[in-house]
Full PDB file with SEQRES, HELIX, SHEET, SSBOND, CRYST1, ORIGX, SCALE, CONECT and MASTER records, all heavy atoms in Angstrom:
SEQRES   1 A   36  LEU PHE ALA ARG SER PRO PHE PHE SER TYR LEU SER LEU          
SEQRES   2 A   36  TYR LEU LYS PHE LYS GLU ASP ASP LEU LYS CYS PRO GLN          
SEQRES   3 A   36  LEU PRO GLU ASN ALA GLY MET GLY VAL ASP                      
HELIX    1 AA1 PRO A    6  SER A   12  1                                   7    
CRYST1    1.000    1.000    1.000  90.00  90.00  90.00 P 1           1          
ORIGX1      1.000000  0.000000  0.000000        0.00000                         
ORIGX2      0.000000  1.000000  0.000000        0.00000                         
ORIGX3      0.000000  0.000000  1.000000        0.00000                         
SCALE1      1.000000  0.000000  0.000000        0.00000                         
SCALE2      0.000000  1.000000  0.000000        0.00000                         
SCALE3      0.000000  0.000000  1.000000        0.00000                         
ATOM      1  N   LEU A   1      44.749 -27.560  19.110  1.00  0.00           N  
ATOM      2  CA  LEU A   1      44.129 -28.820  18.696  1.00  0.00           C  
ATOM      3  C   LEU A   1      42.801 -28.343  17.753  1.00  0.00           C  
ATOM      4  O   LEU A   1      42.579 -29.075  16.874  1.00  0.00           O  
ATOM      5  CB  LEU A   1      43.468 -29.678  19.848  1.00  0.00           C  
ATOM      6  CG  LEU A   1      44.474 -30.582  20.374  1.00  0.00           C  
ATOM      7  CD1 LEU A   1      43.797 -31.311  21.655  1.00  0.00           C  
ATOM      8  CD2 LEU A   1      44.856 -31.589  19.283  1.00  0.00           C  
ATOM      9  N   PHE A   2      42.374 -27.113  17.942  1.00  0.00           N  
ATOM     10  CA  PHE A   2      41.255 -26.672  17.148  1.00  0.00           C  
ATOM     11  C   PHE A   2      41.612 -26.592  15.688  1.00  0.00           C  
ATOM     12  O   PHE A   2      40.778 -26.914  14.843  1.00  0.00           O  
ATOM     13  CB  PHE A   2      40.765 -25.316  17.653  1.00  0.00           C  
ATOM     14  CG  PHE A   2      39.876 -25.297  18.802  1.00  0.00           C  
ATOM     15  CD1 PHE A   2      40.366 -25.181  20.175  1.00  0.00           C  
ATOM     16  CD2 PHE A   2      38.518 -25.568  18.737  1.00  0.00           C  
ATOM     17  CE1 PHE A   2      39.561 -25.230  21.198  1.00  0.00           C  
ATOM     18  CE2 PHE A   2      37.630 -25.671  19.750  1.00  0.00           C  
ATOM     19  CZ  PHE A   2      38.281 -25.398  21.057  1.00  0.00           C  
ATOM     20  N   ALA A   3      42.864 -26.266  15.409  1.00  0.00           N  
ATOM     21  CA  ALA A   3      43.248 -26.255  14.061  1.00  0.00           C  
ATOM     22  C   ALA A   3      43.466 -27.523  13.383  1.00  0.00           C  
ATOM     23  O   ALA A   3      43.324 -27.699  12.201  1.00  0.00           O  
ATOM     24  CB  ALA A   3      44.530 -25.395  13.927  1.00  0.00           C  
ATOM     25  N   ARG A   4      43.962 -28.460  14.286  1.00  0.00           N  
ATOM     26  CA  ARG A   4      44.362 -29.683  13.842  1.00  0.00           C  
ATOM     27  C   ARG A   4      43.262 -30.854  13.789  1.00  0.00           C  
ATOM     28  O   ARG A   4      43.168 -31.665  12.911  1.00  0.00           O  
ATOM     29  CB  ARG A   4      45.570 -30.426  14.595  1.00  0.00           C  
ATOM     30  CG  ARG A   4      46.833 -29.642  14.477  1.00  0.00           C  
ATOM     31  CD  ARG A   4      47.912 -30.259  15.323  1.00  0.00           C  
ATOM     32  NE  ARG A   4      48.335 -31.516  14.686  1.00  0.00           N  
ATOM     33  CZ  ARG A   4      49.261 -32.248  15.245  1.00  0.00           C  
ATOM     34  NH1 ARG A   4      49.755 -31.952  16.343  1.00  0.00           N  
ATOM     35  NH2 ARG A   4      49.613 -33.419  14.534  1.00  0.00           N  
ATOM     36  N   SER A   5      42.397 -30.740  14.856  1.00  0.00           N  
ATOM     37  CA  SER A   5      41.366 -31.708  14.989  1.00  0.00           C  
ATOM     38  C   SER A   5      40.240 -31.180  15.702  1.00  0.00           C  
ATOM     39  O   SER A   5      40.274 -31.197  17.023  1.00  0.00           O  
ATOM     40  CB  SER A   5      41.961 -32.962  15.606  1.00  0.00           C  
ATOM     41  OG  SER A   5      40.990 -33.951  16.010  1.00  0.00           O  
ATOM     42  N   PRO A   6      39.156 -30.818  15.071  1.00  0.00           N  
ATOM     43  CA  PRO A   6      37.969 -30.322  15.781  1.00  0.00           C  
ATOM     44  C   PRO A   6      37.339 -31.444  16.746  1.00  0.00           C  
ATOM     45  O   PRO A   6      36.929 -31.011  17.830  1.00  0.00           O  
ATOM     46  CB  PRO A   6      36.979 -29.968  14.637  1.00  0.00           C  
ATOM     47  CG  PRO A   6      37.803 -29.824  13.505  1.00  0.00           C  
ATOM     48  CD  PRO A   6      39.049 -30.628  13.616  1.00  0.00           C  
ATOM     49  N   PHE A   7      37.524 -32.626  16.362  1.00  0.00           N  
ATOM     50  CA  PHE A   7      36.938 -33.697  17.262  1.00  0.00           C  
ATOM     51  C   PHE A   7      37.635 -33.734  18.569  1.00  0.00           C  
ATOM     52  O   PHE A   7      37.069 -33.670  19.639  1.00  0.00           O  
ATOM     53  CB  PHE A   7      37.142 -35.067  16.567  1.00  0.00           C  
ATOM     54  CG  PHE A   7      36.777 -36.353  17.375  1.00  0.00           C  
ATOM     55  CD1 PHE A   7      35.467 -36.620  17.596  1.00  0.00           C  
ATOM     56  CD2 PHE A   7      37.856 -37.063  17.974  1.00  0.00           C  
ATOM     57  CE1 PHE A   7      35.211 -37.814  18.347  1.00  0.00           C  
ATOM     58  CE2 PHE A   7      37.489 -38.137  18.736  1.00  0.00           C  
ATOM     59  CZ  PHE A   7      36.122 -38.525  18.890  1.00  0.00           C  
ATOM     60  N   PHE A   8      39.003 -33.760  18.561  1.00  0.00           N  
ATOM     61  CA  PHE A   8      39.705 -33.901  19.871  1.00  0.00           C  
ATOM     62  C   PHE A   8      39.622 -32.494  20.619  1.00  0.00           C  
ATOM     63  O   PHE A   8      39.522 -32.487  21.679  1.00  0.00           O  
ATOM     64  CB  PHE A   8      41.184 -34.202  19.716  1.00  0.00           C  
ATOM     65  CG  PHE A   8      41.436 -35.677  19.331  1.00  0.00           C  
ATOM     66  CD1 PHE A   8      41.795 -36.263  18.172  1.00  0.00           C  
ATOM     67  CD2 PHE A   8      41.162 -36.581  20.325  1.00  0.00           C  
ATOM     68  CE1 PHE A   8      41.926 -37.578  17.866  1.00  0.00           C  
ATOM     69  CE2 PHE A   8      41.320 -37.999  20.111  1.00  0.00           C  
ATOM     70  CZ  PHE A   8      41.633 -38.434  18.883  1.00  0.00           C  
ATOM     71  N   SER A   9      39.573 -31.445  19.860  1.00  0.00           N  
ATOM     72  CA  SER A   9      39.544 -30.116  20.543  1.00  0.00           C  
ATOM     73  C   SER A   9      38.247 -30.029  21.207  1.00  0.00           C  
ATOM     74  O   SER A   9      38.199 -29.493  22.474  1.00  0.00           O  
ATOM     75  CB  SER A   9      39.816 -29.056  19.621  1.00  0.00           C  
ATOM     76  OG  SER A   9      38.704 -28.948  18.648  1.00  0.00           O  
ATOM     77  N   TYR A  10      37.157 -30.401  20.730  1.00  0.00           N  
ATOM     78  CA  TYR A  10      35.869 -30.343  21.325  1.00  0.00           C  
ATOM     79  C   TYR A  10      35.866 -31.215  22.651  1.00  0.00           C  
ATOM     80  O   TYR A  10      35.452 -30.843  23.737  1.00  0.00           O  
ATOM     81  CB  TYR A  10      34.770 -30.847  20.416  1.00  0.00           C  
ATOM     82  CG  TYR A  10      33.413 -30.877  20.953  1.00  0.00           C  
ATOM     83  CD1 TYR A  10      32.792 -29.639  21.264  1.00  0.00           C  
ATOM     84  CD2 TYR A  10      32.895 -32.099  21.428  1.00  0.00           C  
ATOM     85  CE1 TYR A  10      31.393 -29.711  21.912  1.00  0.00           C  
ATOM     86  CE2 TYR A  10      31.557 -31.999  21.954  1.00  0.00           C  
ATOM     87  CZ  TYR A  10      30.916 -30.903  22.291  1.00  0.00           C  
ATOM     88  OH  TYR A  10      29.681 -30.922  22.960  1.00  0.00           O  
ATOM     89  N   LEU A  11      36.234 -32.511  22.480  1.00  0.00           N  
ATOM     90  CA  LEU A  11      36.342 -33.380  23.673  1.00  0.00           C  
ATOM     91  C   LEU A  11      37.300 -32.861  24.691  1.00  0.00           C  
ATOM     92  O   LEU A  11      37.059 -33.048  25.877  1.00  0.00           O  
ATOM     93  CB  LEU A  11      36.753 -34.700  23.263  1.00  0.00           C  
ATOM     94  CG  LEU A  11      35.711 -35.433  22.374  1.00  0.00           C  
ATOM     95  CD1 LEU A  11      36.294 -36.851  21.967  1.00  0.00           C  
ATOM     96  CD2 LEU A  11      34.412 -35.574  23.006  1.00  0.00           C  
ATOM     97  N   SER A  12      38.466 -32.175  24.458  1.00  0.00           N  
ATOM     98  CA  SER A  12      39.355 -31.612  25.314  1.00  0.00           C  
ATOM     99  C   SER A  12      38.613 -30.645  26.228  1.00  0.00           C  
ATOM    100  O   SER A  12      39.162 -30.302  27.347  1.00  0.00           O  
ATOM    101  CB  SER A  12      40.620 -31.026  24.702  1.00  0.00           C  
ATOM    102  OG  SER A  12      40.272 -29.797  24.052  1.00  0.00           O  
ATOM    103  N   LEU A  13      37.628 -30.024  25.796  1.00  0.00           N  
ATOM    104  CA  LEU A  13      37.003 -28.885  26.579  1.00  0.00           C  
ATOM    105  C   LEU A  13      36.236 -29.611  27.926  1.00  0.00           C  
ATOM    106  O   LEU A  13      36.046 -28.791  28.865  1.00  0.00           O  
ATOM    107  CB  LEU A  13      35.959 -28.241  25.844  1.00  0.00           C  
ATOM    108  CG  LEU A  13      36.315 -27.295  24.596  1.00  0.00           C  
ATOM    109  CD1 LEU A  13      35.207 -26.900  23.791  1.00  0.00           C  
ATOM    110  CD2 LEU A  13      37.308 -26.209  25.013  1.00  0.00           C  
ATOM    111  N   TYR A  14      36.098 -30.843  27.898  1.00  0.00           N  
ATOM    112  CA  TYR A  14      35.545 -31.456  29.005  1.00  0.00           C  
ATOM    113  C   TYR A  14      36.604 -31.838  30.175  1.00  0.00           C  
ATOM    114  O   TYR A  14      36.200 -32.260  31.145  1.00  0.00           O  
ATOM    115  CB  TYR A  14      34.756 -32.738  28.649  1.00  0.00           C  
ATOM    116  CG  TYR A  14      33.464 -32.317  27.929  1.00  0.00           C  
ATOM    117  CD1 TYR A  14      33.448 -32.257  26.489  1.00  0.00           C  
ATOM    118  CD2 TYR A  14      32.262 -31.978  28.545  1.00  0.00           C  
ATOM    119  CE1 TYR A  14      32.289 -31.966  25.835  1.00  0.00           C  
ATOM    120  CE2 TYR A  14      31.154 -31.638  27.999  1.00  0.00           C  
ATOM    121  CZ  TYR A  14      31.214 -31.611  26.549  1.00  0.00           C  
ATOM    122  OH  TYR A  14      30.036 -31.210  25.803  1.00  0.00           O  
ATOM    123  N   LEU A  15      37.906 -31.700  29.742  1.00  0.00           N  
ATOM    124  CA  LEU A  15      38.934 -32.172  30.706  1.00  0.00           C  
ATOM    125  C   LEU A  15      39.089 -30.965  31.660  1.00  0.00           C  
ATOM    126  O   LEU A  15      39.135 -29.851  31.337  1.00  0.00           O  
ATOM    127  CB  LEU A  15      40.269 -32.322  29.942  1.00  0.00           C  
ATOM    128  CG  LEU A  15      40.382 -33.485  28.945  1.00  0.00           C  
ATOM    129  CD1 LEU A  15      41.645 -33.439  28.219  1.00  0.00           C  
ATOM    130  CD2 LEU A  15      40.071 -34.777  29.685  1.00  0.00           C  
ATOM    131  N   LYS A  16      39.346 -31.396  32.926  1.00  0.00           N  
ATOM    132  CA  LYS A  16      39.718 -30.414  33.932  1.00  0.00           C  
ATOM    133  C   LYS A  16      41.148 -30.742  34.483  1.00  0.00           C  
ATOM    134  O   LYS A  16      41.359 -31.757  34.890  1.00  0.00           O  
ATOM    135  CB  LYS A  16      38.689 -30.606  35.179  1.00  0.00           C  
ATOM    136  CG  LYS A  16      37.236 -30.330  34.812  1.00  0.00           C  
ATOM    137  CD  LYS A  16      36.252 -30.637  35.872  1.00  0.00           C  
ATOM    138  CE  LYS A  16      35.753 -32.122  35.951  1.00  0.00           C  
ATOM    139  NZ  LYS A  16      35.224 -32.869  34.895  1.00  0.00           N  
ATOM    140  N   PHE A  17      41.951 -29.655  34.171  1.00  0.00           N  
ATOM    141  CA  PHE A  17      43.366 -29.943  34.502  1.00  0.00           C  
ATOM    142  C   PHE A  17      43.598 -29.841  36.022  1.00  0.00           C  
ATOM    143  O   PHE A  17      43.150 -28.815  36.700  1.00  0.00           O  
ATOM    144  CB  PHE A  17      44.205 -28.817  33.823  1.00  0.00           C  
ATOM    145  CG  PHE A  17      44.107 -28.818  32.296  1.00  0.00           C  
ATOM    146  CD1 PHE A  17      44.073 -27.602  31.702  1.00  0.00           C  
ATOM    147  CD2 PHE A  17      44.173 -29.980  31.693  1.00  0.00           C  
ATOM    148  CE1 PHE A  17      43.961 -27.639  30.221  1.00  0.00           C  
ATOM    149  CE2 PHE A  17      43.936 -30.013  30.139  1.00  0.00           C  
ATOM    150  CZ  PHE A  17      43.939 -28.725  29.536  1.00  0.00           C  
ATOM    151  N   LYS A  18      44.378 -30.815  36.621  1.00  0.00           N  
ATOM    152  CA  LYS A  18      44.601 -30.820  37.970  1.00  0.00           C  
ATOM    153  C   LYS A  18      45.934 -31.447  38.154  1.00  0.00           C  
ATOM    154  O   LYS A  18      46.366 -32.533  37.641  1.00  0.00           O  
ATOM    155  CB  LYS A  18      43.653 -31.739  38.740  1.00  0.00           C  
ATOM    156  CG  LYS A  18      42.191 -31.289  38.718  1.00  0.00           C  
ATOM    157  CD  LYS A  18      41.334 -32.015  39.618  1.00  0.00           C  
ATOM    158  CE  LYS A  18      39.955 -31.577  39.347  1.00  0.00           C  
ATOM    159  NZ  LYS A  18      39.390 -30.490  40.181  1.00  0.00           N  
ATOM    160  N   GLU A  19      46.869 -30.525  38.877  1.00  0.00           N  
ATOM    161  CA  GLU A  19      48.182 -30.986  39.162  1.00  0.00           C  
ATOM    162  C   GLU A  19      48.237 -32.071  40.164  1.00  0.00           C  
ATOM    163  O   GLU A  19      47.487 -32.086  41.100  1.00  0.00           O  
ATOM    164  CB  GLU A  19      49.098 -29.878  39.587  1.00  0.00           C  
ATOM    165  CG  GLU A  19      50.517 -30.316  39.866  1.00  0.00           C  
ATOM    166  CD  GLU A  19      51.480 -29.115  40.082  1.00  0.00           C  
ATOM    167  OE1 GLU A  19      51.041 -28.026  40.551  1.00  0.00           O  
ATOM    168  OE2 GLU A  19      52.642 -29.248  40.026  1.00  0.00           O  
ATOM    169  N   ASP A  20      49.062 -33.103  39.956  1.00  0.00           N  
ATOM    170  CA  ASP A  20      49.172 -34.201  40.936  1.00  0.00           C  
ATOM    171  C   ASP A  20      49.861 -33.677  42.206  1.00  0.00           C  
ATOM    172  O   ASP A  20      50.699 -32.983  42.119  1.00  0.00           O  
ATOM    173  CB  ASP A  20      50.174 -35.355  40.355  1.00  0.00           C  
ATOM    174  CG  ASP A  20      49.873 -36.658  41.000  1.00  0.00           C  
ATOM    175  OD1 ASP A  20      48.890 -36.917  41.670  1.00  0.00           O  
ATOM    176  OD2 ASP A  20      50.816 -37.528  41.017  1.00  0.00           O  
ATOM    177  N   ASP A  21      49.217 -34.143  43.351  1.00  0.00           N  
ATOM    178  CA  ASP A  21      49.718 -33.732  44.669  1.00  0.00           C  
ATOM    179  C   ASP A  21      50.862 -34.672  45.001  1.00  0.00           C  
ATOM    180  O   ASP A  21      50.580 -35.869  45.234  1.00  0.00           O  
ATOM    181  CB  ASP A  21      48.561 -33.633  45.591  1.00  0.00           C  
ATOM    182  CG  ASP A  21      49.078 -33.379  47.008  1.00  0.00           C  
ATOM    183  OD1 ASP A  21      50.246 -32.999  47.215  1.00  0.00           O  
ATOM    184  OD2 ASP A  21      48.180 -33.146  47.867  1.00  0.00           O  
ATOM    185  N   LEU A  22      52.061 -34.198  44.952  1.00  0.00           N  
ATOM    186  CA  LEU A  22      53.212 -35.077  45.317  1.00  0.00           C  
ATOM    187  C   LEU A  22      53.218 -35.558  46.691  1.00  0.00           C  
ATOM    188  O   LEU A  22      53.812 -36.495  46.969  1.00  0.00           O  
ATOM    189  CB  LEU A  22      54.469 -34.249  44.982  1.00  0.00           C  
ATOM    190  CG  LEU A  22      54.628 -33.885  43.492  1.00  0.00           C  
ATOM    191  CD1 LEU A  22      56.037 -33.157  43.305  1.00  0.00           C  
ATOM    192  CD2 LEU A  22      54.491 -35.125  42.624  1.00  0.00           C  
ATOM    193  N   LYS A  23      52.583 -34.907  47.616  1.00  0.00           N  
ATOM    194  CA  LYS A  23      52.444 -35.339  48.951  1.00  0.00           C  
ATOM    195  C   LYS A  23      51.389 -36.588  49.107  1.00  0.00           C  
ATOM    196  O   LYS A  23      51.729 -37.541  49.932  1.00  0.00           O  
ATOM    197  CB  LYS A  23      51.915 -34.293  49.933  1.00  0.00           C  
ATOM    198  CG  LYS A  23      52.912 -33.152  49.947  1.00  0.00           C  
ATOM    199  CD  LYS A  23      52.347 -32.025  50.883  1.00  0.00           C  
ATOM    200  CE  LYS A  23      53.360 -30.769  50.931  1.00  0.00           C  
ATOM    201  NZ  LYS A  23      52.851 -29.580  51.560  1.00  0.00           N  
ATOM    202  N   CYS A  24      50.451 -36.564  48.244  1.00  0.00           N  
ATOM    203  CA  CYS A  24      49.440 -37.706  48.183  1.00  0.00           C  
ATOM    204  C   CYS A  24      49.159 -37.948  46.603  1.00  0.00           C  
ATOM    205  O   CYS A  24      48.163 -37.571  46.134  1.00  0.00           O  
ATOM    206  CB  CYS A  24      48.228 -37.274  48.875  1.00  0.00           C  
ATOM    207  SG  CYS A  24      47.003 -38.596  48.972  1.00  0.00           S  
ATOM    208  N   PRO A  25      50.043 -38.548  45.963  1.00  0.00           N  
ATOM    209  CA  PRO A  25      49.951 -38.691  44.500  1.00  0.00           C  
ATOM    210  C   PRO A  25      48.730 -39.587  44.107  1.00  0.00           C  
ATOM    211  O   PRO A  25      48.616 -40.625  44.686  1.00  0.00           O  
ATOM    212  CB  PRO A  25      51.366 -39.231  44.033  1.00  0.00           C  
ATOM    213  CG  PRO A  25      51.895 -39.810  45.234  1.00  0.00           C  
ATOM    214  CD  PRO A  25      51.357 -39.122  46.500  1.00  0.00           C  
ATOM    215  N   GLN A  26      48.248 -39.183  42.961  1.00  0.00           N  
ATOM    216  CA  GLN A  26      47.150 -39.964  42.431  1.00  0.00           C  
ATOM    217  C   GLN A  26      47.746 -40.807  41.165  1.00  0.00           C  
ATOM    218  O   GLN A  26      47.177 -41.839  40.914  1.00  0.00           O  
ATOM    219  CB  GLN A  26      45.985 -39.136  41.787  1.00  0.00           C  
ATOM    220  CG  GLN A  26      45.247 -38.457  42.978  1.00  0.00           C  
ATOM    221  CD  GLN A  26      44.119 -37.568  42.387  1.00  0.00           C  
ATOM    222  OE1 GLN A  26      44.390 -36.467  41.915  1.00  0.00           O  
ATOM    223  NE2 GLN A  26      42.946 -38.088  42.224  1.00  0.00           N  
ATOM    224  N   LEU A  27      48.790 -40.217  40.505  1.00  0.00           N  
ATOM    225  CA  LEU A  27      49.438 -40.946  39.380  1.00  0.00           C  
ATOM    226  C   LEU A  27      50.436 -41.917  39.940  1.00  0.00           C  
ATOM    227  O   LEU A  27      51.014 -41.750  40.903  1.00  0.00           O  
ATOM    228  CB  LEU A  27      50.085 -40.013  38.616  1.00  0.00           C  
ATOM    229  CG  LEU A  27      49.269 -38.999  37.747  1.00  0.00           C  
ATOM    230  CD1 LEU A  27      50.087 -37.907  37.129  1.00  0.00           C  
ATOM    231  CD2 LEU A  27      48.322 -39.605  36.847  1.00  0.00           C  
ATOM    232  N   PRO A  28      50.549 -43.071  39.195  1.00  0.00           N  
ATOM    233  CA  PRO A  28      51.637 -44.039  39.498  1.00  0.00           C  
ATOM    234  C   PRO A  28      52.980 -43.352  39.340  1.00  0.00           C  
ATOM    235  O   PRO A  28      53.135 -42.364  38.657  1.00  0.00           O  
ATOM    236  CB  PRO A  28      51.466 -45.135  38.465  1.00  0.00           C  
ATOM    237  CG  PRO A  28      50.106 -44.968  37.810  1.00  0.00           C  
ATOM    238  CD  PRO A  28      49.717 -43.553  38.064  1.00  0.00           C  
ATOM    239  N   GLU A  29      53.949 -43.808  39.918  1.00  0.00           N  
ATOM    240  CA  GLU A  29      55.441 -43.174  40.031  1.00  0.00           C  
ATOM    241  C   GLU A  29      55.873 -42.976  38.561  1.00  0.00           C  
ATOM    242  O   GLU A  29      56.579 -41.977  38.413  1.00  0.00           O  
ATOM    243  CB  GLU A  29      56.243 -44.147  40.677  1.00  0.00           C  
ATOM    244  CG  GLU A  29      57.699 -43.483  40.989  1.00  0.00           C  
ATOM    245  CD  GLU A  29      58.543 -44.438  41.900  1.00  0.00           C  
ATOM    246  OE1 GLU A  29      57.923 -45.076  42.798  1.00  0.00           O  
ATOM    247  OE2 GLU A  29      59.660 -44.356  41.571  1.00  0.00           O  
ATOM    248  N   ASN A  30      55.688 -43.819  37.657  1.00  0.00           N  
ATOM    249  CA  ASN A  30      56.252 -43.720  36.391  1.00  0.00           C  
ATOM    250  C   ASN A  30      55.333 -42.834  35.422  1.00  0.00           C  
ATOM    251  O   ASN A  30      55.723 -42.644  34.224  1.00  0.00           O  
ATOM    252  CB  ASN A  30      56.603 -44.981  35.710  1.00  0.00           C  
ATOM    253  CG  ASN A  30      55.351 -45.865  35.601  1.00  0.00           C  
ATOM    254  OD1 ASN A  30      54.251 -45.636  36.141  1.00  0.00           O  
ATOM    255  ND2 ASN A  30      55.403 -46.773  34.677  1.00  0.00           N  
ATOM    256  N   ALA A  31      54.340 -42.405  35.734  1.00  0.00           N  
ATOM    257  CA  ALA A  31      53.292 -41.660  35.011  1.00  0.00           C  
ATOM    258  C   ALA A  31      53.457 -40.237  34.990  1.00  0.00           C  
ATOM    259  O   ALA A  31      53.742 -39.616  36.147  1.00  0.00           O  
ATOM    260  CB  ALA A  31      51.898 -42.011  35.241  1.00  0.00           C  
ATOM    261  N   GLY A  32      53.373 -39.453  33.888  1.00  0.00           N  
ATOM    262  CA  GLY A  32      53.493 -38.037  33.911  1.00  0.00           C  
ATOM    263  C   GLY A  32      52.074 -37.402  33.837  1.00  0.00           C  
ATOM    264  O   GLY A  32      51.923 -36.235  34.225  1.00  0.00           O  
ATOM    265  N   MET A  33      51.118 -38.103  33.235  1.00  0.00           N  
ATOM    266  CA  MET A  33      49.754 -37.697  33.084  1.00  0.00           C  
ATOM    267  C   MET A  33      48.741 -38.799  33.108  1.00  0.00           C  
ATOM    268  O   MET A  33      49.103 -39.950  32.654  1.00  0.00           O  
ATOM    269  CB  MET A  33      49.754 -36.841  31.681  1.00  0.00           C  
ATOM    270  CG  MET A  33      48.561 -36.028  31.586  1.00  0.00           C  
ATOM    271  SD  MET A  33      48.542 -34.991  30.180  1.00  0.00           S  
ATOM    272  CE  MET A  33      49.807 -33.905  30.443  1.00  0.00           C  
ATOM    273  N   GLY A  34      47.685 -38.576  33.421  1.00  0.00           N  
ATOM    274  CA  GLY A  34      46.585 -39.503  33.465  1.00  0.00           C  
ATOM    275  C   GLY A  34      45.165 -38.835  33.589  1.00  0.00           C  
ATOM    276  O   GLY A  34      45.151 -37.727  33.921  1.00  0.00           O  
ATOM    277  N   VAL A  35      44.192 -39.646  33.343  1.00  0.00           N  
ATOM    278  CA  VAL A  35      42.775 -39.181  33.381  1.00  0.00           C  
ATOM    279  C   VAL A  35      41.953 -40.020  34.278  1.00  0.00           C  
ATOM    280  O   VAL A  35      42.247 -41.243  34.382  1.00  0.00           O  
ATOM    281  CB  VAL A  35      42.172 -39.063  32.028  1.00  0.00           C  
ATOM    282  CG1 VAL A  35      42.096 -40.323  31.312  1.00  0.00           C  
ATOM    283  CG2 VAL A  35      40.907 -38.209  32.022  1.00  0.00           C  
ATOM    284  N   ASP A  36      41.071 -39.411  34.999  1.00  0.00           N  
ATOM    285  CA  ASP A  36      40.225 -40.336  35.901  1.00  0.00           C  
ATOM    286  C   ASP A  36      38.832 -40.365  35.190  1.00  0.00           C  
ATOM    287  O   ASP A  36      38.512 -39.550  34.228  1.00  0.00           O  
ATOM    288  CB  ASP A  36      40.116 -39.849  37.264  1.00  0.00           C  
ATOM    289  CG  ASP A  36      39.480 -38.474  37.573  1.00  0.00           C  
ATOM    290  OD1 ASP A  36      38.716 -37.897  36.638  1.00  0.00           O  
ATOM    291  OD2 ASP A  36      39.615 -37.962  38.689  1.00  0.00           O  
TER     292      ASP A  36                                                      
MASTER        0    0    0    1    0    0    0    6  291    1    0    3          
END                                                                             
């Protein structure tokens, strides 16, 4: 993203990647990714 969009790449640095726990899911059944 740094090469394509400095705006989005900068904001992406604030994201913390966390895998959804399938035993106690946070995402709805049909979602693959989401943000809190």
